[in-house]
Amino acid sequence: MHRNGEQVRVQGRYTLAVDDGNAYIAAGLAGLGTLWLSDYMAQPHLARGKLVPLFQDWQLDSMPMYVAFPRTGMSASRCACLSIG
């Protein structure tokens, strides 16, 4: 992450790994650690005071997003709108 020309790299350690956003949020709400969430996922919990923002004056580095889809079965236009950027 970076701010005002300063850059730091933080390597997190974790003992819980989930691949479901709702389970991830539930773990954070249960006090199991810090979360790295998108604004839209965090907002309802921030508004209710269940989560508090950290590092607000820092910018996170961008992360790549990959789109994987089967060649058949999905509309090409739906897949294209996800992959155009």
Protein backbone atom coordinates (compact mmCIF):
# COMPACT_ATOMS: atom_id res chain seq x y z
CA MET A 1 0.00 0.00 0.00
CA HIS A 2 1.13 3.56 -0.47
CA ARG A 3 0.54 7.18 0.52
CA ASN A 4 2.36 10.42 -0.22
CA GLY A 5 5.21 8.66 -2.02
CA GLU A 6 5.74 6.14 0.78
CA GLN A 7 5.18 2.48 0.01
CA VAL A 8 5.01 -0.44 2.41
CA ARG A 9 4.41 -4.12 1.86
CA VAL A 10 2.59 -6.07 4.54
CA GLN A 11 2.67 -9.84 4.48
CA GLY A 12 -0.30 -11.13 6.39
CA ARG A 13 -0.37 -14.37 8.33
CA TYR A 14 -3.62 -16.21 8.62
CA THR A 15 -4.92 -19.44 10.05
CA LEU A 16 -8.38 -19.29 8.48
CA ALA A 17 -8.97 -19.38 4.74
CA VAL A 18 -12.41 -19.22 3.12
CA ASP A 19 -13.53 -18.84 -0.47
CA ASP A 20 -16.92 -17.32 0.26
CA GLY A 21 -17.44 -13.61 0.89
CA ASN A 22 -20.22 -14.14 3.42
CA ALA A 23 -18.10 -16.57 5.45
CA TYR A 24 -15.19 -14.11 5.29
CA ILE A 25 -17.35 -11.27 6.64
CA ALA A 26 -18.85 -13.54 9.31
CA ALA A 27 -15.35 -14.41 10.52
CA GLY A 28 -14.46 -10.73 10.80
CA LEU A 29 -17.71 -9.87 12.57
CA ALA A 30 -16.97 -12.69 15.01
CA GLY A 31 -13.69 -10.98 15.87
CA LEU A 32 -11.40 -13.50 14.21
CA GLY A 33 -9.17 -10.86 12.61
CA THR A 34 -8.93 -8.00 10.17
CA LEU A 35 -10.63 -8.03 6.78
CA TRP A 36 -9.67 -6.65 3.39
CA LEU A 37 -13.06 -5.89 1.84
CA SER A 38 -14.41 -3.94 -1.08
CA ASP A 39 -16.39 -0.85 -0.15
CA TYR A 40 -19.71 -2.32 -1.25
CA MET A 41 -19.24 -5.38 0.98
CA ALA A 42 -18.08 -3.39 3.99
CA GLN A 43 -20.54 -0.48 3.82
CA PRO A 44 -23.56 -2.06 5.55
CA HIS A 45 -21.38 -3.23 8.45
CA LEU A 46 -19.58 0.12 8.69
CA ALA A 47 -22.93 1.94 8.78
CA ARG A 48 -24.10 -0.22 11.71
CA GLY A 49 -20.79 0.20 13.53
CA LYS A 50 -19.99 -3.51 13.34
CA LEU A 51 -16.75 -2.84 11.44
CA VAL A 52 -14.38 0.12 11.59
CA PRO A 53 -12.13 1.26 8.73
CA LEU A 54 -8.36 0.96 9.03
CA PHE A 55 -5.63 2.72 7.05
CA GLN A 56 -8.05 5.22 5.49
CA ASP A 57 -5.26 7.51 4.30
CA TRP A 58 -3.49 4.67 2.46
CA GLN A 59 -4.16 3.49 -1.09
CA LEU A 60 -4.04 -0.21 -1.85
CA ASP A 61 -2.16 -1.42 -4.88
CA SER A 62 -4.36 -2.70 -7.66
CA MET A 63 -4.88 -6.42 -8.06
CA PRO A 64 -5.53 -8.26 -11.32
CA MET A 65 -8.90 -9.84 -11.94
CA TYR A 66 -9.24 -12.88 -14.15
CA VAL A 67 -12.36 -14.08 -15.93
CA ALA A 68 -12.77 -17.79 -16.57
CA PHE A 69 -15.83 -19.11 -18.34
CA PRO A 70 -16.81 -22.10 -20.46
CA ARG A 71 -16.84 -21.64 -24.22
CA THR A 72 -20.46 -22.74 -24.34
CA GLY A 73 -23.43 -22.02 -22.17
CA MET A 74 -22.82 -18.34 -21.39
CA SER A 75 -23.69 -15.40 -23.54
CA ALA A 76 -20.57 -13.98 -25.18
CA SER A 77 -21.78 -10.43 -24.51
CA ARG A 78 -22.10 -11.12 -20.76
CA CYS A 79 -18.57 -12.46 -20.62
CA ALA A 80 -17.25 -9.60 -22.74
CA CYS A 81 -18.69 -6.94 -20.42
CA LEU A 82 -16.80 -8.54 -17.53
CA SER A 83 -13.52 -8.76 -19.37
CA ILE A 84 -13.39 -5.32 -21.01
CA GLY A 85 -11.30 -2.97 -19.02
